[in-house]
């Protein structure tokens, strides 16, 4: 999977798959996706918007990308 293809898909108004969203979040948090590619994807998202499913999946991927604290 390539970041370029994910950016292009969103620029064309396509809905991102769960795998593409996970790839982006994981790659960005690990430092393998540079800031300029993240910025390009975020600009495409701003211009083309996200579906509710994409928003939920991105939120889940962000939540799973870090440490979790049990507050119970």
C-alpha atoms as a PDB file:
ATOM      1  CA  UNK A   1       0.000   0.000   0.000  1.00  0.00           C
ATOM      2  CA  UNK A   2       1.310   3.444  -0.886  1.00  0.00           C
ATOM      3  CA  UNK A   3       0.418   6.756   0.702  1.00  0.00           C
ATOM      4  CA  UNK A   4       0.305   8.333  -2.759  1.00  0.00           C
ATOM      5  CA  UNK A   5      -2.574   6.024  -3.761  1.00  0.00           C
ATOM      6  CA  UNK A   6      -4.516   6.849  -0.593  1.00  0.00           C
ATOM      7  CA  UNK A   7      -4.138  10.597  -1.209  1.00  0.00           C
ATOM      8  CA  UNK A   8      -5.164  10.175  -4.842  1.00  0.00           C
ATOM      9  CA  UNK A   9      -8.244   8.138  -3.924  1.00  0.00           C
ATOM     10  CA  UNK A  10      -9.436  10.763  -1.466  1.00  0.00           C
ATOM     11  CA  UNK A  11      -8.662  13.578  -3.935  1.00  0.00           C
ATOM     12  CA  UNK A  12     -10.936  11.798  -6.402  1.00  0.00           C
ATOM     13  CA  UNK A  13     -13.698  11.698  -3.772  1.00  0.00           C
ATOM     14  CA  UNK A  14     -13.497   7.973  -3.102  1.00  0.00           C
ATOM     15  CA  UNK A  15     -14.276   6.480   0.298  1.00  0.00           C
ATOM     16  CA  UNK A  16     -11.161   5.215   2.078  1.00  0.00           C
ATOM     17  CA  UNK A  17     -11.129   1.620   3.266  1.00  0.00           C
ATOM     18  CA  UNK A  18     -10.465   0.637   6.875  1.00  0.00           C
ATOM     19  CA  UNK A  19      -7.085  -0.720   5.794  1.00  0.00           C
ATOM     20  CA  UNK A  20      -6.103   2.582   4.147  1.00  0.00           C
ATOM     21  CA  UNK A  21      -7.096   4.564   7.234  1.00  0.00           C
ATOM     22  CA  UNK A  22      -5.220   2.151   9.529  1.00  0.00           C
ATOM     23  CA  UNK A  23      -2.160   2.335   7.238  1.00  0.00           C
ATOM     24  CA  UNK A  24      -2.178   6.141   7.432  1.00  0.00           C
ATOM     25  CA  UNK A  25      -2.616   6.397  11.198  1.00  0.00           C
ATOM     26  CA  UNK A  26      -0.083   3.661  11.955  1.00  0.00           C
ATOM     27  CA  UNK A  27       2.466   5.031   9.496  1.00  0.00           C
ATOM     28  CA  UNK A  28       2.130   8.600  10.704  1.00  0.00           C
ATOM     29  CA  UNK A  29       2.393   7.719  14.397  1.00  0.00           C
ATOM     30  CA  UNK A  30       5.434   5.510  13.695  1.00  0.00           C
ATOM     31  CA  UNK A  31       7.086   8.295  11.678  1.00  0.00           C
ATOM     32  CA  UNK A  32       7.192   6.448   8.344  1.00  0.00           C
ATOM     33  CA  UNK A  33       4.752   8.854   6.680  1.00  0.00           C
ATOM     34  CA  UNK A  34       6.200  12.365   6.353  1.00  0.00           C
ATOM     35  CA  UNK A  35       4.321  15.508   7.330  1.00  0.00           C
ATOM     36  CA  UNK A  36       3.881  16.658   3.725  1.00  0.00           C
ATOM     37  CA  UNK A  37       1.993  13.473   2.808  1.00  0.00           C
ATOM     38  CA  UNK A  38      -0.187  13.723   5.921  1.00  0.00           C
ATOM     39  CA  UNK A  39      -0.907  17.353   5.005  1.00  0.00           C
ATOM     40  CA  UNK A  40      -1.850  16.365   1.466  1.00  0.00           C
ATOM     41  CA  UNK A  41      -4.286  13.741   2.738  1.00  0.00           C
ATOM     42  CA  UNK A  42      -5.808  16.129   5.263  1.00  0.00           C
ATOM     43  CA  UNK A  43      -6.287  18.751   2.540  1.00  0.00           C
ATOM     44  CA  UNK A  44      -8.024  16.166   0.346  1.00  0.00           C
ATOM     45  CA  UNK A  45     -10.228  15.183   3.300  1.00  0.00           C
ATOM     46  CA  UNK A  46     -11.075  18.836   3.928  1.00  0.00           C
ATOM     47  CA  UNK A  47     -12.008  19.397   0.280  1.00  0.00           C
ATOM     48  CA  UNK A  48     -13.862  16.103  -0.314  1.00  0.00           C
ATOM     49  CA  UNK A  49     -15.128  15.417   3.236  1.00  0.00           C
ATOM     50  CA  UNK A  50     -15.395  12.028   4.949  1.00  0.00           C
ATOM     51  CA  UNK A  51     -18.277   9.630   5.308  1.00  0.00           C
ATOM     52  CA  UNK A  52     -19.565   8.788   8.753  1.00  0.00           C
ATOM     53  CA  UNK A  53     -17.945   5.338   8.473  1.00  0.00           C
ATOM     54  CA  UNK A  54     -14.573   6.919   7.626  1.00  0.00           C
ATOM     55  CA  UNK A  55     -14.841   9.273  10.614  1.00  0.00           C
ATOM     56  CA  UNK A  56     -15.646   6.391  12.965  1.00  0.00           C
ATOM     57  CA  UNK A  57     -12.802   4.272  11.560  1.00  0.00           C
ATOM     58  CA  UNK A  58     -10.268   7.110  11.779  1.00  0.00           C
ATOM     59  CA  UNK A  59     -11.322   7.815  15.366  1.00  0.00           C
ATOM     60  CA  UNK A  60     -10.944   4.114  16.219  1.00  0.00           C
ATOM     61  CA  UNK A  61      -7.530   3.938  14.544  1.00  0.00           C
ATOM     62  CA  UNK A  62      -6.356   7.024  16.442  1.00  0.00           C
ATOM     63  CA  UNK A  63      -7.676   5.593  19.706  1.00  0.00           C
ATOM     64  CA  UNK A  64      -5.856   2.287  19.102  1.00  0.00           C
ATOM     65  CA  UNK A  65      -2.579   4.025  18.130  1.00  0.00           C
ATOM     66  CA  UNK A  66      -1.555   4.952  21.658  1.00  0.00           C
ATOM     67  CA  UNK A  67      -1.430   3.713  25.206  1.00  0.00           C
ATOM     68  CA  UNK A  68      -4.717   3.156  26.985  1.00  0.00           C
ATOM     69  CA  UNK A  69      -5.402   3.843  30.638  1.00  0.00           C
ATOM     70  CA  UNK A  70      -8.012   1.884  32.566  1.00  0.00           C
ATOM     71  CA  UNK A  71      -9.891   4.423  34.672  1.00  0.00           C
ATOM     72  CA  UNK A  72     -12.291   1.958  36.278  1.00  0.00           C
END
